[in-house]
Amino acid sequence: MLQNLAQNLAITFAVLLISFACLKQNNCSKAVFFGDSITEGMGVSSLSLKWSTLLAKNKNLCEDNQGISGTVLQNTYPRLTNNGRDRYLNDVVRHYPEKVYILYGLNDL
């Protein structure tokens, strides 16, 4: 019985050590990048060259890219069903980010 208890404690301790090591590796602030095709990374030669990925690496952020091509920030007529205003709660707020970067309409200028 003591042998089983010792084994269980050893396994629990090992799991805790691994968990803490993983947390230390990901010592970064969670950031949501919210936007349209530019945020999603359309047109880049490599996904590692998305502006969100470059900024996240430079600022030590954990990137959560919520860019979706073809979306707009707010409703237009006729109403678009996949717009930023309607996506905000689900794609940004529910992720509990420490930082939020929003980029919409850059290619509309």
PDB file of N, CA and C in Angstrom:
ATOM      1  N   MET A   1       0.818  -1.191   0.000  1.00  0.00           N
ATOM      2  CA  MET A   1       0.000   0.000   0.000  1.00  0.00           C
ATOM      3  C   MET A   1       0.868   1.263   0.000  1.00  0.00           C
ATOM      4  N   LEU A   2       1.930   1.248   0.805  1.00  0.00           N
ATOM      5  CA  LEU A   2       2.833   2.394   0.809  1.00  0.00           C
ATOM      6  C   LEU A   2       3.557   2.531  -0.515  1.00  0.00           C
ATOM      7  N   GLN A   3       3.827   1.395  -1.149  1.00  0.00           N
ATOM      8  CA  GLN A   3       4.499   1.436  -2.447  1.00  0.00           C
ATOM      9  C   GLN A   3       3.593   2.103  -3.487  1.00  0.00           C
ATOM     10  N   ASN A   4       2.293   1.788  -3.470  1.00  0.00           N
ATOM     11  CA  ASN A   4       1.348   2.423  -4.392  1.00  0.00           C
ATOM     12  C   ASN A   4       1.244   3.919  -4.123  1.00  0.00           C
ATOM     13  N   LEU A   5       1.218   4.299  -2.866  1.00  0.00           N
ATOM     14  CA  LEU A   5       1.147   5.711  -2.502  1.00  0.00           C
ATOM     15  C   LEU A   5       2.388   6.446  -2.991  1.00  0.00           C
ATOM     16  N   ALA A   6       3.543   5.837  -2.818  1.00  0.00           N
ATOM     17  CA  ALA A   6       4.789   6.457  -3.276  1.00  0.00           C
ATOM     18  C   ALA A   6       4.806   6.599  -4.794  1.00  0.00           C
ATOM     19  N   GLN A   7       4.314   5.597  -5.497  1.00  0.00           N
ATOM     20  CA  GLN A   7       4.253   5.673  -6.956  1.00  0.00           C
ATOM     21  C   GLN A   7       3.305   6.787  -7.401  1.00  0.00           C
ATOM     22  N   ASN A   8       2.150   6.871  -6.767  1.00  0.00           N
ATOM     23  CA  ASN A   8       1.185   7.912  -7.117  1.00  0.00           C
ATOM     24  C   ASN A   8       1.737   9.307  -6.850  1.00  0.00           C
ATOM     25  N   LEU A   9       2.438   9.465  -5.734  1.00  0.00           N
ATOM     26  CA  LEU A   9       3.043  10.756  -5.415  1.00  0.00           C
ATOM     27  C   LEU A   9       4.134  11.109  -6.422  1.00  0.00           C
ATOM     28  N   ALA A  10       4.922  10.116  -6.815  1.00  0.00           N
ATOM     29  CA  ALA A  10       5.990  10.361  -7.795  1.00  0.00           C
ATOM     30  C   ALA A  10       5.405  10.767  -9.135  1.00  0.00           C
ATOM     31  N   ILE A  11       4.349  10.096  -9.563  1.00  0.00           N
ATOM     32  CA  ILE A  11       3.703  10.438 -10.831  1.00  0.00           C
ATOM     33  C   ILE A  11       3.097  11.837 -10.759  1.00  0.00           C
ATOM     34  N   THR A  12       2.431  12.146  -9.666  1.00  0.00           N
ATOM     35  CA  THR A  12       1.834  13.472  -9.493  1.00  0.00           C
ATOM     36  C   THR A  12       2.909  14.551  -9.520  1.00  0.00           C
ATOM     37  N   PHE A  13       4.011  14.308  -8.833  1.00  0.00           N
ATOM     38  CA  PHE A  13       5.103  15.280  -8.800  1.00  0.00           C
ATOM     39  C   PHE A  13       5.687  15.480 -10.199  1.00  0.00           C
ATOM     40  N   ALA A  14       5.849  14.395 -10.948  1.00  0.00           N
ATOM     41  CA  ALA A  14       6.390  14.492 -12.315  1.00  0.00           C
ATOM     42  C   ALA A  14       5.449  15.298 -13.212  1.00  0.00           C
ATOM     43  N   VAL A  15       4.159  15.068 -13.089  1.00  0.00           N
ATOM     44  CA  VAL A  15       3.182  15.815 -13.888  1.00  0.00           C
ATOM     45  C   VAL A  15       3.245  17.300 -13.537  1.00  0.00           C
ATOM     46  N   LEU A  16       3.353  17.619 -12.256  1.00  0.00           N
ATOM     47  CA  LEU A  16       3.461  19.025 -11.837  1.00  0.00           C
ATOM     48  C   LEU A  16       4.722  19.671 -12.391  1.00  0.00           C
ATOM     49  N   LEU A  17       5.839  18.970 -12.355  1.00  0.00           N
ATOM     50  CA  LEU A  17       7.085  19.516 -12.897  1.00  0.00           C
ATOM     51  C   LEU A  17       6.966  19.791 -14.390  1.00  0.00           C
ATOM     52  N   ILE A  18       6.381  18.852 -15.115  1.00  0.00           N
ATOM     53  CA  ILE A  18       6.199  19.042 -16.553  1.00  0.00           C
ATOM     54  C   ILE A  18       5.276  20.218 -16.816  1.00  0.00           C
ATOM     55  N   SER A  19       4.199  20.333 -16.039  1.00  0.00           N
ATOM     56  CA  SER A  19       3.263  21.446 -16.210  1.00  0.00           C
ATOM     57  C   SER A  19       3.950  22.780 -15.982  1.00  0.00           C
ATOM     58  N   PHE A  20       4.741  22.895 -14.935  1.00  0.00           N
ATOM     59  CA  PHE A  20       5.439  24.146 -14.656  1.00  0.00           C
ATOM     60  C   PHE A  20       6.473  24.455 -15.728  1.00  0.00           C
ATOM     61  N   ALA A  21       7.136  23.436 -16.253  1.00  0.00           N
ATOM     62  CA  ALA A  21       8.111  23.646 -17.328  1.00  0.00           C
ATOM     63  C   ALA A  21       7.416  24.189 -18.566  1.00  0.00           C
ATOM     64  N   CYS A  22       6.235  23.660 -18.884  1.00  0.00           N
ATOM     65  CA  CYS A  22       5.489  24.147 -20.044  1.00  0.00           C
ATOM     66  C   CYS A  22       5.041  25.585 -19.830  1.00  0.00           C
ATOM     67  N   LEU A  23       4.606  25.914 -18.625  1.00  0.00           N
ATOM     68  CA  LEU A  23       4.204  27.289 -18.342  1.00  0.00           C
ATOM     69  C   LEU A  23       5.383  28.244 -18.501  1.00  0.00           C
ATOM     70  N   LYS A  24       6.552  27.823 -18.047  1.00  0.00           N
ATOM     71  CA  LYS A  24       7.730  28.675 -18.147  1.00  0.00           C
ATOM     72  C   LYS A  24       8.120  28.911 -19.607  1.00  0.00           C
ATOM     73  N   GLN A  25       7.966  27.878 -20.458  1.00  0.00           N
ATOM     74  CA  GLN A  25       8.288  28.024 -21.868  1.00  0.00           C
ATOM     75  C   GLN A  25       7.356  29.027 -22.540  1.00  0.00           C
ATOM     76  N   ASN A  26       6.102  29.064 -22.127  1.00  0.00           N
ATOM     77  CA  ASN A  26       5.118  29.955 -22.724  1.00  0.00           C
ATOM     78  C   ASN A  26       4.931  31.211 -21.886  1.00  0.00           C
ATOM     79  N   ASN A  27       6.013  31.755 -21.405  1.00  0.00           N
ATOM     80  CA  ASN A  27       5.955  32.944 -20.562  1.00  0.00           C
ATOM     81  C   ASN A  27       5.739  34.175 -21.442  1.00  0.00           C
ATOM     82  N   CYS A  28       4.522  34.318 -21.929  1.00  0.00           N
ATOM     83  CA  CYS A  28       4.207  35.429 -22.806  1.00  0.00           C
ATOM     84  C   CYS A  28       2.778  35.880 -22.546  1.00  0.00           C
ATOM     85  N   SER A  29       2.480  37.098 -22.942  1.00  0.00           N
ATOM     86  CA  SER A  29       1.132  37.633 -22.808  1.00  0.00           C
ATOM     87  C   SER A  29       0.289  37.155 -23.980  1.00  0.00           C
ATOM     88  N   LYS A  30      -0.926  36.712 -23.691  1.00  0.00           N
ATOM     89  CA  LYS A  30      -1.822  36.271 -24.760  1.00  0.00           C
ATOM     90  C   LYS A  30      -2.374  37.478 -25.493  1.00  0.00           C
ATOM     91  N   ALA A  31      -2.253  37.454 -26.815  1.00  0.00           N
ATOM     92  CA  ALA A  31      -2.742  38.548 -27.645  1.00  0.00           C
ATOM     93  C   ALA A  31      -3.626  38.000 -28.754  1.00  0.00           C
ATOM     94  N   VAL A  32      -4.807  38.601 -28.905  1.00  0.00           N
ATOM     95  CA  VAL A  32      -5.692  38.251 -30.008  1.00  0.00           C
ATOM     96  C   VAL A  32      -5.487  39.276 -31.115  1.00  0.00           C
ATOM     97  N   PHE A  33      -5.278  38.779 -32.322  1.00  0.00           N
ATOM     98  CA  PHE A  33      -5.165  39.622 -33.508  1.00  0.00           C
ATOM     99  C   PHE A  33      -6.462  39.433 -34.285  1.00  0.00           C
ATOM    100  N   PHE A  34      -7.249  40.495 -34.367  1.00  0.00           N
ATOM    101  CA  PHE A  34      -8.625  40.431 -34.861  1.00  0.00           C
ATOM    102  C   PHE A  34      -8.755  41.276 -36.109  1.00  0.00           C
ATOM    103  N   GLY A  35      -9.249  40.678 -37.188  1.00  0.00           N
ATOM    104  CA  GLY A  35      -9.382  41.466 -38.395  1.00  0.00           C
ATOM    105  C   GLY A  35      -9.826  40.675 -39.597  1.00  0.00           C
ATOM    106  N   ASP A  36      -9.452  41.192 -40.763  1.00  0.00           N
ATOM    107  CA  ASP A  36      -9.879  40.617 -42.037  1.00  0.00           C
ATOM    108  C   ASP A  36      -8.739  39.848 -42.691  1.00  0.00           C
ATOM    109  N   SER A  37      -8.706  39.842 -44.028  1.00  0.00           N
ATOM    110  CA  SER A  37      -7.721  39.040 -44.752  1.00  0.00           C
ATOM    111  C   SER A  37      -6.278  39.445 -44.475  1.00  0.00           C
ATOM    112  N   ILE A  38      -6.034  40.725 -44.231  1.00  0.00           N
ATOM    113  CA  ILE A  38      -4.668  41.174 -43.944  1.00  0.00           C
ATOM    114  C   ILE A  38      -4.191  40.559 -42.625  1.00  0.00           C
ATOM    115  N   THR A  39      -5.061  40.525 -41.631  1.00  0.00           N
ATOM    116  CA  THR A  39      -4.715  39.910 -40.350  1.00  0.00           C
ATOM    117  C   THR A  39      -4.569  38.399 -40.502  1.00  0.00           C
ATOM    118  N   GLU A  40      -5.439  37.795 -41.298  1.00  0.00           N
ATOM    119  CA  GLU A  40      -5.367  36.352 -41.517  1.00  0.00           C
ATOM    120  C   GLU A  40      -4.043  35.944 -42.159  1.00  0.00           C
ATOM    121  N   GLY A  41      -3.478  36.837 -42.964  1.00  0.00           N
ATOM    122  CA  GLY A  41      -2.186  36.557 -43.581  1.00  0.00           C
ATOM    123  C   GLY A  41      -2.249  36.353 -45.078  1.00  0.00           C
ATOM    124  N   MET A  42      -3.361  36.744 -45.693  1.00  0.00           N
ATOM    125  CA  MET A  42      -3.484  36.592 -47.146  1.00  0.00           C
ATOM    126  C   MET A  42      -2.400  37.407 -47.843  1.00  0.00           C
ATOM    127  N   GLY A  43      -1.779  36.801 -48.851  1.00  0.00           N
ATOM    128  CA  GLY A  43      -0.795  37.507 -49.653  1.00  0.00           C
ATOM    129  C   GLY A  43       0.637  37.403 -49.175  1.00  0.00           C
ATOM    130  N   VAL A  44       0.873  36.838 -47.996  1.00  0.00           N
ATOM    131  CA  VAL A  44       2.256  36.704 -47.538  1.00  0.00           C
ATOM    132  C   VAL A  44       2.872  35.453 -48.166  1.00  0.00           C
ATOM    133  N   SER A  45       4.162  35.491 -48.374  1.00  0.00           N
ATOM    134  CA  SER A  45       4.833  34.356 -49.011  1.00  0.00           C
ATOM    135  C   SER A  45       5.011  33.180 -48.053  1.00  0.00           C
ATOM    136  N   SER A  46       4.921  33.447 -46.753  1.00  0.00           N
ATOM    137  CA  SER A  46       5.052  32.406 -45.738  1.00  0.00           C
ATOM    138  C   SER A  46       4.225  32.828 -44.526  1.00  0.00           C
ATOM    139  N   LEU A  47       3.544  31.881 -43.888  1.00  0.00           N
ATOM    140  CA  LEU A  47       2.729  32.221 -42.724  1.00  0.00           C
ATOM    141  C   LEU A  47       3.556  32.825 -41.590  1.00  0.00           C
ATOM    142  N   SER A  48       4.837  32.523 -41.567  1.00  0.00           N
ATOM    143  CA  SER A  48       5.710  33.105 -40.538  1.00  0.00           C
ATOM    144  C   SER A  48       5.940  34.597 -40.773  1.00  0.00           C
ATOM    145  N   LEU A  49       5.506  35.116 -41.922  1.00  0.00           N
ATOM    146  CA  LEU A  49       5.682  36.539 -42.235  1.00  0.00           C
ATOM    147  C   LEU A  49       4.409  37.365 -42.058  1.00  0.00           C
ATOM    148  N   LYS A  50       3.367  36.768 -41.473  1.00  0.00           N
ATOM    149  CA  LYS A  50       2.157  37.546 -41.172  1.00  0.00           C
ATOM    150  C   LYS A  50       2.535  38.659 -40.200  1.00  0.00           C
ATOM    151  N   TRP A  51       1.881  39.819 -40.323  1.00  0.00           N
ATOM    152  CA  TRP A  51       2.206  40.920 -39.408  1.00  0.00           C
ATOM    153  C   TRP A  51       1.941  40.526 -37.964  1.00  0.00           C
ATOM    154  N   SER A  52       0.912  39.722 -37.731  1.00  0.00           N
ATOM    155  CA  SER A  52       0.604  39.309 -36.356  1.00  0.00           C
ATOM    156  C   SER A  52       1.702  38.412 -35.790  1.00  0.00           C
ATOM    157  N   THR A  53       2.234  37.531 -36.608  1.00  0.00           N
ATOM    158  CA  THR A  53       3.302  36.633 -36.158  1.00  0.00           C
ATOM    159  C   THR A  53       4.594  37.399 -35.902  1.00  0.00           C
ATOM    160  N   LEU A  54       4.922  38.327 -36.790  1.00  0.00           N
ATOM    161  CA  LEU A  54       6.138  39.134 -36.605  1.00  0.00           C
ATOM    162  C   LEU A  54       6.046  39.984 -35.338  1.00  0.00           C
ATOM    163  N   LEU A  55       4.883  40.612 -35.117  1.00  0.00           N
ATOM    164  CA  LEU A  55       4.705  41.439 -33.921  1.00  0.00           C
ATOM    165  C   LEU A  55       4.740  40.582 -32.656  1.00  0.00           C
ATOM    166  N   ALA A  56       4.082  39.418 -32.709  1.00  0.00           N
ATOM    167  CA  ALA A  56       4.058  38.536 -31.541  1.00  0.00           C
ATOM    168  C   ALA A  56       5.467  38.096 -31.154  1.00  0.00           C
ATOM    169  N   LYS A  57       6.274  37.743 -32.131  1.00  0.00           N
ATOM    170  CA  LYS A  57       7.658  37.336 -31.843  1.00  0.00           C
ATOM    171  C   LYS A  57       8.460  38.496 -31.281  1.00  0.00           C
ATOM    172  N   ASN A  58       8.282  39.687 -31.854  1.00  0.00           N
ATOM    173  CA  ASN A  58       9.029  40.865 -31.427  1.00  0.00           C
ATOM    174  C   ASN A  58       8.664  41.306 -30.018  1.00  0.00           C
ATOM    175  N   LYS A  59       7.403  41.159 -29.642  1.00  0.00           N
ATOM    176  CA  LYS A  59       6.915  41.636 -28.340  1.00  0.00           C
ATOM    177  C   LYS A  59       6.716  40.514 -27.323  1.00  0.00           C
ATOM    178  N   ASN A  60       7.172  39.292 -27.649  1.00  0.00           N
ATOM    179  CA  ASN A  60       7.024  38.130 -26.768  1.00  0.00           C
ATOM    180  C   ASN A  60       5.553  37.902 -26.395  1.00  0.00           C
ATOM    181  N   LEU A  61       4.708  37.805 -27.420  1.00  0.00           N
ATOM    182  CA  LEU A  61       3.281  37.584 -27.232  1.00  0.00           C
ATOM    183  C   LEU A  61       2.909  36.191 -27.706  1.00  0.00           C
ATOM    184  N   CYS A  62       1.920  35.593 -27.077  1.00  0.00           N
ATOM    185  CA  CYS A  62       1.345  34.343 -27.557  1.00  0.00           C
ATOM    186  C   CYS A  62       0.248  34.714 -28.544  1.00  0.00           C
ATOM    187  N   GLU A  63       0.475  34.428 -29.800  1.00  0.00           N
ATOM    188  CA  GLU A  63      -0.417  34.857 -30.882  1.00  0.00           C
ATOM    189  C   GLU A  63      -1.664  33.984 -30.980  1.00  0.00           C
ATOM    190  N   ASP A  64      -2.822  34.638 -30.996  1.00  0.00           N
ATOM    191  CA  ASP A  64      -4.098  33.987 -31.284  1.00  0.00           C
ATOM    192  C   ASP A  64      -4.710  34.767 -32.439  1.00  0.00           C
ATOM    193  N   ASN A  65      -4.482  34.295 -33.660  1.00  0.00           N
ATOM    194  CA  ASN A  65      -4.904  35.031 -34.849  1.00  0.00           C
ATOM    195  C   ASN A  65      -6.359  34.713 -35.167  1.00  0.00           C
ATOM    196  N   GLN A  66      -7.207  35.735 -35.095  1.00  0.00           N
ATOM    197  CA  GLN A  66      -8.627  35.611 -35.389  1.00  0.00           C
ATOM    198  C   GLN A  66      -8.991  36.414 -36.634  1.00  0.00           C
ATOM    199  N   GLY A  67      -8.084  36.465 -37.591  1.00  0.00           N
ATOM    200  CA  GLY A  67      -8.360  37.133 -38.854  1.00  0.00           C
ATOM    201  C   GLY A  67      -9.137  36.221 -39.784  1.00  0.00           C
ATOM    202  N   ILE A  68     -10.186  36.770 -40.412  1.00  0.00           N
ATOM    203  CA  ILE A  68     -10.984  35.997 -41.366  1.00  0.00           C
ATOM    204  C   ILE A  68     -11.151  36.824 -42.631  1.00  0.00           C
ATOM    205  N   SER A  69     -10.718  36.253 -43.730  1.00  0.00           N
ATOM    206  CA  SER A  69     -10.803  36.924 -45.013  1.00  0.00           C
ATOM    207  C   SER A  69     -12.257  37.190 -45.390  1.00  0.00           C
ATOM    208  N   GLY A  70     -12.501  38.364 -45.964  1.00  0.00           N
ATOM    209  CA  GLY A  70     -13.837  38.706 -46.445  1.00  0.00           C
ATOM    210  C   GLY A  70     -14.753  39.310 -45.417  1.00  0.00           C
ATOM    211  N   THR A  71     -14.274  39.547 -44.211  1.00  0.00           N
ATOM    212  CA  THR A  71     -15.131  40.149 -43.190  1.00  0.00           C
ATOM    213  C   THR A  71     -14.911  41.658 -43.133  1.00  0.00           C
ATOM    214  N   VAL A  72     -15.893  42.353 -42.591  1.00  0.00           N
ATOM    215  CA  VAL A  72     -15.812  43.797 -42.386  1.00  0.00           C
ATOM    216  C   VAL A  72     -16.009  44.073 -40.911  1.00  0.00           C
ATOM    217  N   LEU A  73     -15.703  45.289 -40.482  1.00  0.00           N
ATOM    218  CA  LEU A  73     -15.797  45.614 -39.058  1.00  0.00           C
ATOM    219  C   LEU A  73     -17.237  45.721 -38.576  1.00  0.00           C
ATOM    220  N   GLN A  74     -18.097  46.351 -39.350  1.00  0.00           N
ATOM    221  CA  GLN A  74     -19.479  46.521 -38.905  1.00  0.00           C
ATOM    222  C   GLN A  74     -20.445  46.173 -40.028  1.00  0.00           C
ATOM    223  N   ASN A  75     -21.718  46.205 -39.705  1.00  0.00           N
ATOM    224  CA  ASN A  75     -22.742  45.851 -40.690  1.00  0.00           C
ATOM    225  C   ASN A  75     -22.743  46.814 -41.864  1.00  0.00           C
ATOM    226  N   THR A  76     -22.989  46.273 -43.014  1.00  0.00           N
ATOM    227  CA  THR A  76     -23.237  47.071 -44.204  1.00  0.00           C
ATOM    228  C   THR A  76     -24.525  46.545 -44.830  1.00  0.00           C
ATOM    229  N   TYR A  77     -25.079  47.280 -45.764  1.00  0.00           N
ATOM    230  CA  TYR A  77     -26.308  46.817 -46.400  1.00  0.00           C
ATOM    231  C   TYR A  77     -25.986  46.140 -47.714  1.00  0.00           C
ATOM    232  N   PRO A  78     -26.442  44.959 -48.034  1.00  0.00           N
ATOM    233  CA  PRO A  78     -27.244  44.125 -47.143  1.00  0.00           C
ATOM    234  C   PRO A  78     -26.377  43.571 -46.021  1.00  0.00           C
ATOM    235  N   ARG A  79     -26.983  43.276 -44.912  1.00  0.00           N
ATOM    236  CA  ARG A  79     -26.241  42.873 -43.718  1.00  0.00           C
ATOM    237  C   ARG A  79     -25.366  41.652 -43.990  1.00  0.00           C
ATOM    238  N   LEU A  80     -24.102  41.769 -43.641  1.00  0.00           N
ATOM    239  CA  LEU A  80     -23.178  40.636 -43.725  1.00  0.00           C
ATOM    240  C   LEU A  80     -23.269  39.848 -42.428  1.00  0.00           C
ATOM    241  N   THR A  81     -23.317  38.549 -42.534  1.00  0.00           N
ATOM    242  CA  THR A  81     -23.492  37.730 -41.337  1.00  0.00           C
ATOM    243  C   THR A  81     -22.188  37.488 -40.583  1.00  0.00           C
ATOM    244  N   ASN A  82     -21.060  37.664 -41.242  1.00  0.00           N
ATOM    245  CA  ASN A  82     -19.781  37.381 -40.595  1.00  0.00           C
ATOM    246  C   ASN A  82     -18.973  38.673 -40.503  1.00  0.00           C
ATOM    247  N   ASN A  83     -19.417  39.583 -39.644  1.00  0.00           N
ATOM    248  CA  ASN A  83     -18.694  40.834 -39.515  1.00  0.00           C
ATOM    249  C   ASN A  83     -18.032  40.920 -38.145  1.00  0.00           C
ATOM    250  N   GLY A  84     -17.091  41.830 -38.037  1.00  0.00           N
ATOM    251  CA  GLY A  84     -16.314  41.959 -36.813  1.00  0.00           C
ATOM    252  C   GLY A  84     -17.137  42.281 -35.585  1.00  0.00           C
ATOM    253  N   ARG A  85     -18.117  43.145 -35.755  1.00  0.00           N
ATOM    254  CA  ARG A  85     -18.941  43.526 -34.597  1.00  0.00           C
ATOM    255  C   ARG A  85     -19.636  42.313 -34.006  1.00  0.00           C
ATOM    256  N   ASP A  86     -20.160  41.445 -34.873  1.00  0.00           N
ATOM    257  CA  ASP A  86     -20.858  40.255 -34.385  1.00  0.00           C
ATOM    258  C   ASP A  86     -19.902  39.167 -33.906  1.00  0.00           C
ATOM    259  N   ARG A  87     -18.679  39.159 -34.398  1.00  0.00           N
ATOM    260  CA  ARG A  87     -17.687  38.151 -34.014  1.00  0.00           C
ATOM    261  C   ARG A  87     -16.943  38.500 -32.734  1.00  0.00           C
ATOM    262  N   TYR A  88     -16.960  39.747 -32.318  1.00  0.00           N
ATOM    263  CA  TYR A  88     -16.088  40.237 -31.252  1.00  0.00           C
ATOM    264  C   TYR A  88     -16.197  39.425 -29.952  1.00  0.00           C
ATOM    265  N   LEU A  89     -17.396  39.192 -29.476  1.00  0.00           N
ATOM    266  CA  LEU A  89     -17.545  38.462 -28.209  1.00  0.00           C
ATOM    267  C   LEU A  89     -16.992  37.045 -28.303  1.00  0.00           C
ATOM    268  N   ASN A  90     -17.304  36.364 -29.393  1.00  0.00           N
ATOM    269  CA  ASN A  90     -16.881  34.975 -29.540  1.00  0.00           C
ATOM    270  C   ASN A  90     -15.399  34.837 -29.875  1.00  0.00           C
ATOM    271  N   ASP A  91     -14.891  35.708 -30.747  1.00  0.00           N
ATOM    272  CA  ASP A  91     -13.521  35.544 -31.247  1.00  0.00           C
ATOM    273  C   ASP A  91     -12.470  36.313 -30.445  1.00  0.00           C
ATOM    274  N   VAL A  92     -12.908  37.242 -29.607  1.00  0.00           N
ATOM    275  CA  VAL A  92     -11.948  38.016 -28.820  1.00  0.00           C
ATOM    276  C   VAL A  92     -12.197  37.854 -27.322  1.00  0.00           C
ATOM    277  N   VAL A  93     -13.335  38.293 -26.853  1.00  0.00           N
ATOM    278  CA  VAL A  93     -13.608  38.365 -25.408  1.00  0.00           C
ATOM    279  C   VAL A  93     -13.519  37.000 -24.734  1.00  0.00           C
ATOM    280  N   ARG A  94     -14.055  35.979 -25.346  1.00  0.00           N
ATOM    281  CA  ARG A  94     -14.076  34.656 -24.686  1.00  0.00           C
ATOM    282  C   ARG A  94     -12.691  34.028 -24.547  1.00  0.00           C
ATOM    283  N   HIS A  95     -11.686  34.580 -25.222  1.00  0.00           N
ATOM    284  CA  HIS A  95     -10.312  34.072 -25.124  1.00  0.00           C
ATOM    285  C   HIS A  95      -9.537  34.718 -23.975  1.00  0.00           C
ATOM    286  N   TYR A  96     -10.125  35.721 -23.336  1.00  0.00           N
ATOM    287  CA  TYR A  96      -9.492  36.432 -22.214  1.00  0.00           C
ATOM    288  C   TYR A  96      -8.063  36.885 -22.524  1.00  0.00           C
ATOM    289  N   PRO A  97      -7.885  37.625 -23.607  1.00  0.00           N
ATOM    290  CA  PRO A  97      -6.524  38.067 -23.940  1.00  0.00           C
ATOM    291  C   PRO A  97      -6.069  39.213 -23.038  1.00  0.00           C
ATOM    292  N   GLU A  98      -4.777  39.353 -22.919  1.00  0.00           N
ATOM    293  CA  GLU A  98      -4.214  40.502 -22.218  1.00  0.00           C
ATOM    294  C   GLU A  98      -4.093  41.693 -23.155  1.00  0.00           C
ATOM    295  N   LYS A  99      -3.966  41.400 -24.453  1.00  0.00           N
ATOM    296  CA  LYS A  99      -3.844  42.454 -25.459  1.00  0.00           C
ATOM    297  C   LYS A  99      -4.704  42.087 -26.659  1.00  0.00           C
ATOM    298  N   VAL A 100      -5.245  43.118 -27.333  1.00  0.00           N
ATOM    299  CA  VAL A 100      -6.042  42.915 -28.542  1.00  0.00           C
ATOM    300  C   VAL A 100      -5.543  43.889 -29.601  1.00  0.00           C
ATOM    301  N   TYR A 101      -5.272  43.360 -30.781  1.00  0.00           N
ATOM    302  CA  TYR A 101      -4.875  44.175 -31.930  1.00  0.00           C
ATOM    303  C   TYR A 101      -5.953  44.015 -32.996  1.00  0.00           C
ATOM    304  N   ILE A 102      -6.507  45.137 -33.459  1.00  0.00           N
ATOM    305  CA  ILE A 102      -7.583  45.109 -34.442  1.00  0.00           C
ATOM    306  C   ILE A 102      -7.113  45.816 -35.712  1.00  0.00           C
ATOM    307  N   LEU A 103      -7.248  45.123 -36.839  1.00  0.00           N
ATOM    308  CA  LEU A 103      -6.910  45.719 -38.123  1.00  0.00           C
ATOM    309  C   LEU A 103      -7.975  45.319 -39.137  1.00  0.00           C
ATOM    310  N   TYR A 104      -8.752  46.276 -39.570  1.00  0.00           N
ATOM    311  CA  TYR A 104      -9.799  46.069 -40.580  1.00  0.00           C
ATOM    312  C   TYR A 104      -9.700  47.146 -41.629  1.00  0.00           C
ATOM    313  N   GLY A 105      -9.967  46.777 -42.876  1.00  0.00           N
ATOM    314  CA  GLY A 105     -10.144  47.736 -43.943  1.00  0.00           C
ATOM    315  C   GLY A 105      -8.890  48.334 -44.534  1.00  0.00           C
ATOM    316  N   LEU A 106      -7.721  47.813 -44.196  1.00  0.00           N
ATOM    317  CA  LEU A 106      -6.474  48.375 -44.721  1.00  0.00           C
ATOM    318  C   LEU A 106      -6.440  48.316 -46.250  1.00  0.00           C
ATOM    319  N   ASN A 107      -6.943  47.231 -46.804  1.00  0.00           N
ATOM    320  CA  ASN A 107      -6.926  47.103 -48.260  1.00  0.00           C
ATOM    321  C   ASN A 107      -8.091  47.845 -48.931  1.00  0.00           C
ATOM    322  N   ASP A 108      -8.918  48.547 -48.160  1.00  0.00           N
ATOM    323  CA  ASP A 108     -10.026  49.325 -48.710  1.00  0.00           C
ATOM    324  C   ASP A 108      -9.637  50.805 -48.898  1.00  0.00           C
ATOM    325  N   LEU A 109      -8.435  51.183 -48.499  1.00  0.00           N
ATOM    326  CA  LEU A 109      -8.035  52.587 -48.594  1.00  0.00           C
ATOM    327  C   LEU A 109      -7.766  52.998 -50.022  1.00  0.00           C
TER     328      LEU A 109
END
